[in-house]
Amino acid sequence: MATIIPTLRSTPAPRTQTRSRTAERVRGLALAGPLLLFAHGILDWVDGLGDAAGTGAYHLAATAALVGALAALGWLALAVAVAPSDAARMPLTSIGIAALAGVALASPWDLLPLGALLLLIALAPLIRGDGAGDGGQGTATGKVTTGLS
């Protein structure tokens, strides 16, 4: 008598499903990176107001926010480098605002929160998903979509 052993066949995920996962990851990273960088700038500023600057809980939280921001922005850069066609669809104004954000971040006048907000504005096309970062399958209808429906 023959024994039937069930086998699992792994089928590759459809290309559109993989692309939508990548687009969701890019959107999350494009939002998290600048916000964590902004939080670092504010926490670092608050930490500098006290007598024991650089030793308390604010310093620890600011350092954690900076590490998180660097990880998110590095992962975002890697995700965009893997799909260079998505980066090519970034509007020219976003690239200009990102350059201005870089100037604010590198300035010696502690403009880190301003630079982070400018970077958030520059990455808005990736966050909204209007053609850049999602393979052209953005939500140009203006509808707000959630994962709950």
N, C-alpha and C. Protein backbone atom coordinates (compact mmCIF):
# COMPACT_ATOMS: atom_id res chain seq x y z
N MET A 1 0.83 -1.17 0.00
CA MET A 1 0.00 0.00 0.00
C MET A 1 0.89 1.24 0.00
N ALA A 2 0.61 2.15 -0.87
CA ALA A 2 1.44 3.36 -1.03
C ALA A 2 0.99 4.43 -0.04
N THR A 3 1.97 5.09 0.51
CA THR A 3 1.68 6.17 1.45
C THR A 3 1.78 7.49 0.69
N ILE A 4 0.78 8.30 0.89
CA ILE A 4 0.77 9.61 0.24
C ILE A 4 1.29 10.63 1.24
N ILE A 5 2.38 11.28 0.87
CA ILE A 5 2.97 12.30 1.73
C ILE A 5 2.66 13.65 1.10
N PRO A 6 1.98 14.49 1.86
CA PRO A 6 1.70 15.81 1.29
C PRO A 6 2.98 16.63 1.17
N THR A 7 3.09 17.33 0.10
CA THR A 7 4.26 18.20 -0.11
C THR A 7 3.79 19.64 -0.27
N LEU A 8 4.61 20.50 0.19
CA LEU A 8 4.32 21.93 0.03
C LEU A 8 5.11 22.45 -1.15
N ARG A 9 4.43 23.11 -2.01
CA ARG A 9 5.12 23.73 -3.14
C ARG A 9 5.21 25.22 -2.88
N SER A 10 6.41 25.68 -3.00
CA SER A 10 6.58 27.12 -2.82
C SER A 10 6.50 27.78 -4.18
N THR A 11 5.59 28.70 -4.27
CA THR A 11 5.46 29.45 -5.51
C THR A 11 5.95 30.85 -5.26
N PRO A 12 6.67 31.40 -6.19
CA PRO A 12 7.17 32.76 -5.98
C PRO A 12 6.00 33.75 -5.91
N ALA A 13 6.19 34.77 -5.11
CA ALA A 13 5.17 35.80 -4.97
C ALA A 13 5.03 36.55 -6.29
N PRO A 14 3.81 36.92 -6.63
CA PRO A 14 3.64 37.70 -7.86
C PRO A 14 4.44 38.99 -7.79
N ARG A 15 4.87 39.45 -8.94
CA ARG A 15 5.73 40.63 -9.00
C ARG A 15 5.04 41.87 -8.41
N THR A 16 3.75 42.01 -8.62
CA THR A 16 3.05 43.18 -8.10
C THR A 16 2.99 43.15 -6.59
N GLN A 17 2.85 41.95 -6.01
CA GLN A 17 2.81 41.86 -4.56
C GLN A 17 4.16 42.23 -3.95
N THR A 18 5.24 41.76 -4.56
CA THR A 18 6.58 42.10 -4.08
C THR A 18 6.83 43.59 -4.22
N ARG A 19 6.37 44.16 -5.33
CA ARG A 19 6.56 45.59 -5.58
C ARG A 19 5.77 46.41 -4.56
N SER A 20 4.57 45.96 -4.20
CA SER A 20 3.78 46.74 -3.23
C SER A 20 4.41 46.64 -1.84
N ARG A 21 5.01 45.49 -1.49
CA ARG A 21 5.71 45.39 -0.21
C ARG A 21 6.90 46.34 -0.17
N THR A 22 7.64 46.41 -1.26
CA THR A 22 8.78 47.31 -1.34
C THR A 22 8.30 48.76 -1.24
N ALA A 23 7.21 49.08 -1.90
CA ALA A 23 6.68 50.45 -1.85
C ALA A 23 6.24 50.81 -0.44
N GLU A 24 5.61 49.88 0.26
CA GLU A 24 5.21 50.15 1.64
C GLU A 24 6.43 50.34 2.54
N ARG A 25 7.47 49.55 2.32
CA ARG A 25 8.70 49.69 3.10
C ARG A 25 9.35 51.04 2.84
N VAL A 26 9.39 51.45 1.58
CA VAL A 26 9.99 52.74 1.22
C VAL A 26 9.19 53.88 1.85
N ARG A 27 7.86 53.78 1.80
CA ARG A 27 7.02 54.83 2.41
C ARG A 27 7.30 54.94 3.91
N GLY A 28 7.36 53.82 4.58
CA GLY A 28 7.61 53.84 6.02
C GLY A 28 8.97 54.39 6.37
N LEU A 29 9.97 54.01 5.62
CA LEU A 29 11.33 54.49 5.88
C LEU A 29 11.47 55.98 5.55
N ALA A 30 10.81 56.42 4.48
CA ALA A 30 10.88 57.83 4.11
C ALA A 30 10.18 58.71 5.15
N LEU A 31 9.23 58.15 5.87
CA LEU A 31 8.57 58.90 6.93
C LEU A 31 9.33 58.81 8.25
N ALA A 32 9.80 57.62 8.58
CA ALA A 32 10.45 57.40 9.88
C ALA A 32 11.81 58.09 9.98
N GLY A 33 12.60 58.05 8.93
CA GLY A 33 13.95 58.61 8.98
C GLY A 33 13.98 60.09 9.36
N PRO A 34 13.30 60.95 8.59
CA PRO A 34 13.32 62.38 8.95
C PRO A 34 12.65 62.68 10.30
N LEU A 35 11.59 61.95 10.65
CA LEU A 35 10.94 62.21 11.93
C LEU A 35 11.85 61.84 13.10
N LEU A 36 12.58 60.74 12.98
CA LEU A 36 13.53 60.38 14.03
C LEU A 36 14.68 61.38 14.09
N LEU A 37 15.10 61.87 12.93
CA LEU A 37 16.15 62.89 12.90
C LEU A 37 15.67 64.19 13.56
N PHE A 38 14.42 64.55 13.32
CA PHE A 38 13.84 65.73 13.97
C PHE A 38 13.77 65.51 15.48
N ALA A 39 13.33 64.33 15.90
CA ALA A 39 13.26 64.03 17.33
C ALA A 39 14.64 64.11 17.97
N HIS A 40 15.66 63.62 17.27
CA HIS A 40 17.02 63.71 17.79
C HIS A 40 17.42 65.17 18.00
N GLY A 41 17.14 66.01 17.01
CA GLY A 41 17.51 67.42 17.12
C GLY A 41 16.83 68.10 18.29
N ILE A 42 15.55 67.83 18.48
CA ILE A 42 14.82 68.45 19.59
C ILE A 42 15.31 67.90 20.93
N LEU A 43 15.49 66.59 21.03
CA LEU A 43 15.97 66.00 22.28
C LEU A 43 17.38 66.47 22.62
N ASP A 44 18.21 66.61 21.62
CA ASP A 44 19.57 67.11 21.86
C ASP A 44 19.54 68.56 22.34
N TRP A 45 18.63 69.35 21.78
CA TRP A 45 18.50 70.74 22.21
C TRP A 45 18.01 70.80 23.66
N VAL A 46 16.98 69.98 23.99
CA VAL A 46 16.46 69.96 25.36
C VAL A 46 17.54 69.48 26.33
N ASP A 47 18.32 68.50 25.92
CA ASP A 47 19.39 67.98 26.78
C ASP A 47 20.42 69.07 27.08
N GLY A 48 20.67 69.94 26.13
CA GLY A 48 21.65 71.01 26.32
C GLY A 48 21.17 72.13 27.24
N LEU A 49 19.88 72.14 27.59
CA LEU A 49 19.36 73.20 28.45
C LEU A 49 19.72 72.99 29.92
N GLY A 50 19.93 71.75 30.32
CA GLY A 50 20.17 71.45 31.74
C GLY A 50 21.61 71.67 32.15
N ASP A 51 21.85 71.48 33.44
CA ASP A 51 23.20 71.63 33.99
C ASP A 51 24.11 70.47 33.59
N ALA A 52 23.57 69.25 33.61
CA ALA A 52 24.37 68.06 33.33
C ALA A 52 24.10 67.59 31.90
N ALA A 53 24.42 68.42 30.93
CA ALA A 53 24.16 68.08 29.53
C ALA A 53 24.99 66.88 29.11
N GLY A 54 24.35 65.99 28.36
CA GLY A 54 25.06 64.83 27.82
C GLY A 54 25.16 63.64 28.76
N THR A 55 24.41 63.65 29.86
CA THR A 55 24.52 62.52 30.78
C THR A 55 23.18 61.91 31.15
N GLY A 56 22.06 62.55 30.89
CA GLY A 56 20.78 62.09 31.38
C GLY A 56 19.99 61.25 30.39
N ALA A 57 18.71 61.11 30.70
CA ALA A 57 17.80 60.33 29.88
C ALA A 57 17.56 60.97 28.52
N TYR A 58 17.58 62.31 28.48
CA TYR A 58 17.41 62.99 27.19
C TYR A 58 18.56 62.66 26.24
N HIS A 59 19.75 62.59 26.78
CA HIS A 59 20.90 62.25 25.94
C HIS A 59 20.77 60.83 25.40
N LEU A 60 20.34 59.91 26.24
CA LEU A 60 20.15 58.52 25.80
C LEU A 60 19.07 58.43 24.73
N ALA A 61 17.95 59.14 24.96
CA ALA A 61 16.86 59.12 23.98
C ALA A 61 17.29 59.78 22.67
N ALA A 62 18.06 60.86 22.75
CA ALA A 62 18.54 61.54 21.54
C ALA A 62 19.47 60.64 20.75
N THR A 63 20.33 59.91 21.46
CA THR A 63 21.24 58.99 20.78
C THR A 63 20.48 57.85 20.11
N ALA A 64 19.46 57.32 20.81
CA ALA A 64 18.65 56.25 20.22
C ALA A 64 17.89 56.76 18.99
N ALA A 65 17.39 57.98 19.05
CA ALA A 65 16.70 58.55 17.89
C ALA A 65 17.65 58.75 16.72
N LEU A 66 18.88 59.16 17.00
CA LEU A 66 19.87 59.34 15.93
C LEU A 66 20.23 58.01 15.29
N VAL A 67 20.42 56.99 16.09
CA VAL A 67 20.74 55.66 15.54
C VAL A 67 19.58 55.15 14.70
N GLY A 68 18.36 55.34 15.19
CA GLY A 68 17.18 54.93 14.42
C GLY A 68 17.05 55.68 13.12
N ALA A 69 17.32 56.99 13.16
CA ALA A 69 17.25 57.80 11.94
C ALA A 69 18.29 57.37 10.92
N LEU A 70 19.51 57.13 11.37
CA LEU A 70 20.56 56.69 10.45
C LEU A 70 20.24 55.34 9.85
N ALA A 71 19.70 54.44 10.67
CA ALA A 71 19.32 53.12 10.15
C ALA A 71 18.20 53.24 9.13
N ALA A 72 17.18 54.03 9.42
CA ALA A 72 16.06 54.19 8.49
C ALA A 72 16.49 54.85 7.19
N LEU A 73 17.31 55.90 7.28
CA LEU A 73 17.75 56.59 6.07
C LEU A 73 18.72 55.73 5.26
N GLY A 74 19.56 54.97 5.95
CA GLY A 74 20.45 54.05 5.23
C GLY A 74 19.68 52.96 4.52
N TRP A 75 18.68 52.41 5.18
CA TRP A 75 17.85 51.37 4.57
C TRP A 75 17.06 51.95 3.40
N LEU A 76 16.59 53.19 3.54
CA LEU A 76 15.88 53.85 2.46
C LEU A 76 16.80 54.04 1.26
N ALA A 77 18.03 54.47 1.50
CA ALA A 77 18.99 54.65 0.41
C ALA A 77 19.27 53.34 -0.30
N LEU A 78 19.36 52.27 0.47
CA LEU A 78 19.58 50.95 -0.12
C LEU A 78 18.37 50.51 -0.94
N ALA A 79 17.17 50.75 -0.42
CA ALA A 79 15.96 50.35 -1.15
C ALA A 79 15.81 51.13 -2.45
N VAL A 80 16.18 52.41 -2.43
CA VAL A 80 16.08 53.21 -3.66
C VAL A 80 17.20 52.84 -4.62
N ALA A 81 18.37 52.45 -4.09
CA ALA A 81 19.48 52.04 -4.97
C ALA A 81 19.16 50.74 -5.68
N VAL A 82 18.37 49.89 -5.05
CA VAL A 82 17.99 48.62 -5.68
C VAL A 82 17.03 48.87 -6.83
N ALA A 83 16.19 49.87 -6.70
CA ALA A 83 15.22 50.22 -7.75
C ALA A 83 15.49 51.64 -8.23
N PRO A 84 16.55 51.84 -9.03
CA PRO A 84 16.91 53.21 -9.42
C PRO A 84 15.87 53.90 -10.29
N SER A 85 14.99 53.14 -10.93
CA SER A 85 13.96 53.79 -11.74
C SER A 85 13.00 54.58 -10.86
N ASP A 86 12.79 54.12 -9.61
CA ASP A 86 11.93 54.86 -8.69
C ASP A 86 12.56 56.19 -8.32
N ALA A 87 13.86 56.20 -8.08
CA ALA A 87 14.55 57.44 -7.72
C ALA A 87 14.57 58.40 -8.91
N ALA A 88 14.57 57.88 -10.12
CA ALA A 88 14.61 58.73 -11.30
C ALA A 88 13.30 59.50 -11.48
N ARG A 89 12.22 59.02 -10.84
CA ARG A 89 10.93 59.69 -10.97
C ARG A 89 10.72 60.78 -9.91
N MET A 90 11.71 61.04 -9.09
CA MET A 90 11.57 62.09 -8.08
C MET A 90 11.53 63.44 -8.80
N PRO A 91 10.60 64.31 -8.41
CA PRO A 91 10.52 65.63 -9.04
C PRO A 91 11.79 66.45 -8.76
N LEU A 92 12.08 67.33 -9.64
CA LEU A 92 13.27 68.17 -9.51
C LEU A 92 13.18 69.06 -8.26
N THR A 93 11.98 69.50 -7.92
CA THR A 93 11.83 70.32 -6.72
C THR A 93 12.18 69.53 -5.46
N SER A 94 11.85 68.25 -5.43
CA SER A 94 12.20 67.42 -4.28
C SER A 94 13.71 67.27 -4.14
N ILE A 95 14.38 67.16 -5.25
CA ILE A 95 15.84 67.05 -5.21
C ILE A 95 16.45 68.36 -4.72
N GLY A 96 15.90 69.49 -5.15
CA GLY A 96 16.37 70.79 -4.68
C GLY A 96 16.13 70.98 -3.19
N ILE A 97 14.96 70.57 -2.71
CA ILE A 97 14.66 70.69 -1.28
C ILE A 97 15.55 69.76 -0.47
N ALA A 98 15.83 68.56 -1.01
CA ALA A 98 16.74 67.64 -0.32
C ALA A 98 18.15 68.23 -0.23
N ALA A 99 18.58 68.93 -1.27
CA ALA A 99 19.89 69.58 -1.22
C ALA A 99 19.91 70.70 -0.18
N LEU A 100 18.82 71.44 -0.10
CA LEU A 100 18.71 72.48 0.93
C LEU A 100 18.70 71.86 2.33
N ALA A 101 18.05 70.71 2.46
CA ALA A 101 18.06 70.00 3.75
C ALA A 101 19.47 69.57 4.11
N GLY A 102 20.23 69.12 3.13
CA GLY A 102 21.62 68.74 3.39
C GLY A 102 22.46 69.91 3.86
N VAL A 103 22.22 71.09 3.30
CA VAL A 103 22.93 72.30 3.74
C VAL A 103 22.55 72.63 5.18
N ALA A 104 21.26 72.53 5.50
CA ALA A 104 20.81 72.83 6.87
C ALA A 104 21.37 71.80 7.87
N LEU A 105 21.44 70.54 7.46
CA LEU A 105 21.97 69.50 8.35
C LEU A 105 23.46 69.68 8.58
N ALA A 106 24.17 70.16 7.57
CA ALA A 106 25.63 70.29 7.69
C ALA A 106 26.06 71.64 8.25
N SER A 107 25.12 72.54 8.46
CA SER A 107 25.50 73.87 8.93
C SER A 107 25.98 73.82 10.38
N PRO A 108 26.83 74.76 10.75
CA PRO A 108 27.34 74.76 12.12
C PRO A 108 26.41 75.45 13.12
N TRP A 109 25.19 75.82 12.71
CA TRP A 109 24.29 76.59 13.56
C TRP A 109 23.19 75.75 14.20
N ASP A 110 23.37 74.46 14.32
CA ASP A 110 22.38 73.57 14.94
C ASP A 110 21.00 73.69 14.29
N LEU A 111 20.95 73.53 12.99
CA LEU A 111 19.69 73.56 12.26
C LEU A 111 19.19 72.16 11.94
N LEU A 112 19.51 71.20 12.79
CA LEU A 112 19.15 69.81 12.55
C LEU A 112 17.63 69.61 12.45
N PRO A 113 16.81 70.16 13.35
CA PRO A 113 15.37 69.97 13.19
C PRO A 113 14.82 70.57 11.90
N LEU A 114 15.33 71.73 11.51
CA LEU A 114 14.89 72.35 10.25
C LEU A 114 15.30 71.48 9.06
N GLY A 115 16.52 70.99 9.08
CA GLY A 115 16.98 70.10 8.00
C GLY A 115 16.15 68.83 7.92
N ALA A 116 15.76 68.30 9.08
CA ALA A 116 14.94 67.08 9.09
C ALA A 116 13.56 67.35 8.50
N LEU A 117 12.98 68.49 8.82
CA LEU A 117 11.68 68.83 8.24
C LEU A 117 11.77 69.07 6.74
N LEU A 118 12.83 69.71 6.30
CA LEU A 118 13.03 69.89 4.86
C LEU A 118 13.21 68.55 4.16
N LEU A 119 13.91 67.63 4.81
CA LEU A 119 14.09 66.29 4.23
C LEU A 119 12.76 65.56 4.17
N LEU A 120 11.92 65.73 5.18
CA LEU A 120 10.59 65.13 5.16
C LEU A 120 9.76 65.67 4.01
N ILE A 121 9.85 66.97 3.77
CA ILE A 121 9.13 67.58 2.64
C ILE A 121 9.69 67.06 1.32
N ALA A 122 11.00 66.92 1.24
CA ALA A 122 11.62 66.45 -0.01
C ALA A 122 11.23 65.01 -0.32
N LEU A 123 11.05 64.19 0.72
CA LEU A 123 10.69 62.79 0.51
C LEU A 123 9.19 62.57 0.41
N ALA A 124 8.40 63.64 0.39
CA ALA A 124 6.95 63.51 0.32
C ALA A 124 6.45 62.68 -0.87
N PRO A 125 7.04 62.77 -2.07
CA PRO A 125 6.56 61.91 -3.15
C PRO A 125 6.72 60.42 -2.85
N LEU A 126 7.76 60.06 -2.12
CA LEU A 126 7.92 58.66 -1.74
C LEU A 126 6.91 58.26 -0.68
N ILE A 127 6.58 59.18 0.21
CA ILE A 127 5.64 58.88 1.29
C ILE A 127 4.22 58.79 0.75
N ARG A 128 3.85 59.72 -0.13
CA ARG A 128 2.50 59.73 -0.69
C ARG A 128 2.31 58.59 -1.66
N GLY A 129 3.37 58.19 -2.35
CA GLY A 129 3.24 57.14 -3.35
C GLY A 129 2.65 57.64 -4.64
N ASP A 130 2.97 58.86 -5.05
CA ASP A 130 2.40 59.40 -6.28
C ASP A 130 3.35 59.22 -7.47
N GLY A 131 3.80 58.00 -7.65
CA GLY A 131 4.60 57.70 -8.83
C GLY A 131 6.02 57.36 -8.52
N ALA A 132 6.61 57.89 -7.50
CA ALA A 132 7.99 57.59 -7.16
C ALA A 132 8.01 56.63 -6.00
N GLY A 133 8.77 55.58 -6.13
CA GLY A 133 8.93 54.65 -5.03
C GLY A 133 7.95 53.51 -5.02
N ASP A 134 6.95 53.54 -5.89
CA ASP A 134 5.98 52.46 -5.88
C ASP A 134 5.77 51.85 -7.26
N GLY A 135 6.69 52.08 -8.15
CA GLY A 135 6.59 51.49 -9.47
C GLY A 135 5.48 52.10 -10.32
N GLY A 136 5.09 53.32 -10.00
CA GLY A 136 4.05 53.96 -10.78
C GLY A 136 2.64 53.57 -10.39
N GLN A 137 2.47 52.87 -9.30
CA GLN A 137 1.15 52.42 -8.88
C GLN A 137 0.66 53.24 -7.71
N GLY A 138 0.90 54.52 -7.74
CA GLY A 138 0.58 55.38 -6.61
C GLY A 138 -0.90 55.63 -6.47
N THR A 139 -1.26 56.30 -5.42
CA THR A 139 -2.65 56.64 -5.16
C THR A 139 -2.87 58.09 -5.58
N ALA A 140 -3.00 58.30 -6.88
CA ALA A 140 -3.16 59.65 -7.39
C ALA A 140 -4.60 60.10 -7.29
N THR A 141 -5.52 59.26 -6.79
CA THR A 141 -6.91 59.63 -6.67
C THR A 141 -7.17 60.54 -5.50
N GLY A 142 -6.23 60.63 -4.57
CA GLY A 142 -6.41 61.47 -3.40
C GLY A 142 -7.10 60.75 -2.27
N LYS A 143 -7.46 59.49 -2.43
CA LYS A 143 -8.10 58.74 -1.37
C LYS A 143 -7.06 58.33 -0.32
N VAL A 144 -7.49 58.37 0.90
CA VAL A 144 -6.64 57.90 1.98
C VAL A 144 -6.94 56.43 2.17
N THR A 145 -5.93 55.60 2.02
CA THR A 145 -6.16 54.16 2.16
C THR A 145 -5.48 53.67 3.42
N THR A 146 -6.15 52.77 4.09
CA THR A 146 -5.58 52.14 5.27
C THR A 146 -5.57 50.64 5.04
N GLY A 147 -4.82 49.95 5.84
CA GLY A 147 -4.75 48.50 5.73
C GLY A 147 -5.90 47.81 6.45
N LEU A 148 -6.90 48.58 6.93
CA LEU A 148 -7.98 48.01 7.71
C LEU A 148 -9.16 47.58 6.86
N SER A 149 -9.27 48.04 5.64
CA SER A 149 -10.44 47.71 4.83
C SER A 149 -10.26 46.42 4.08
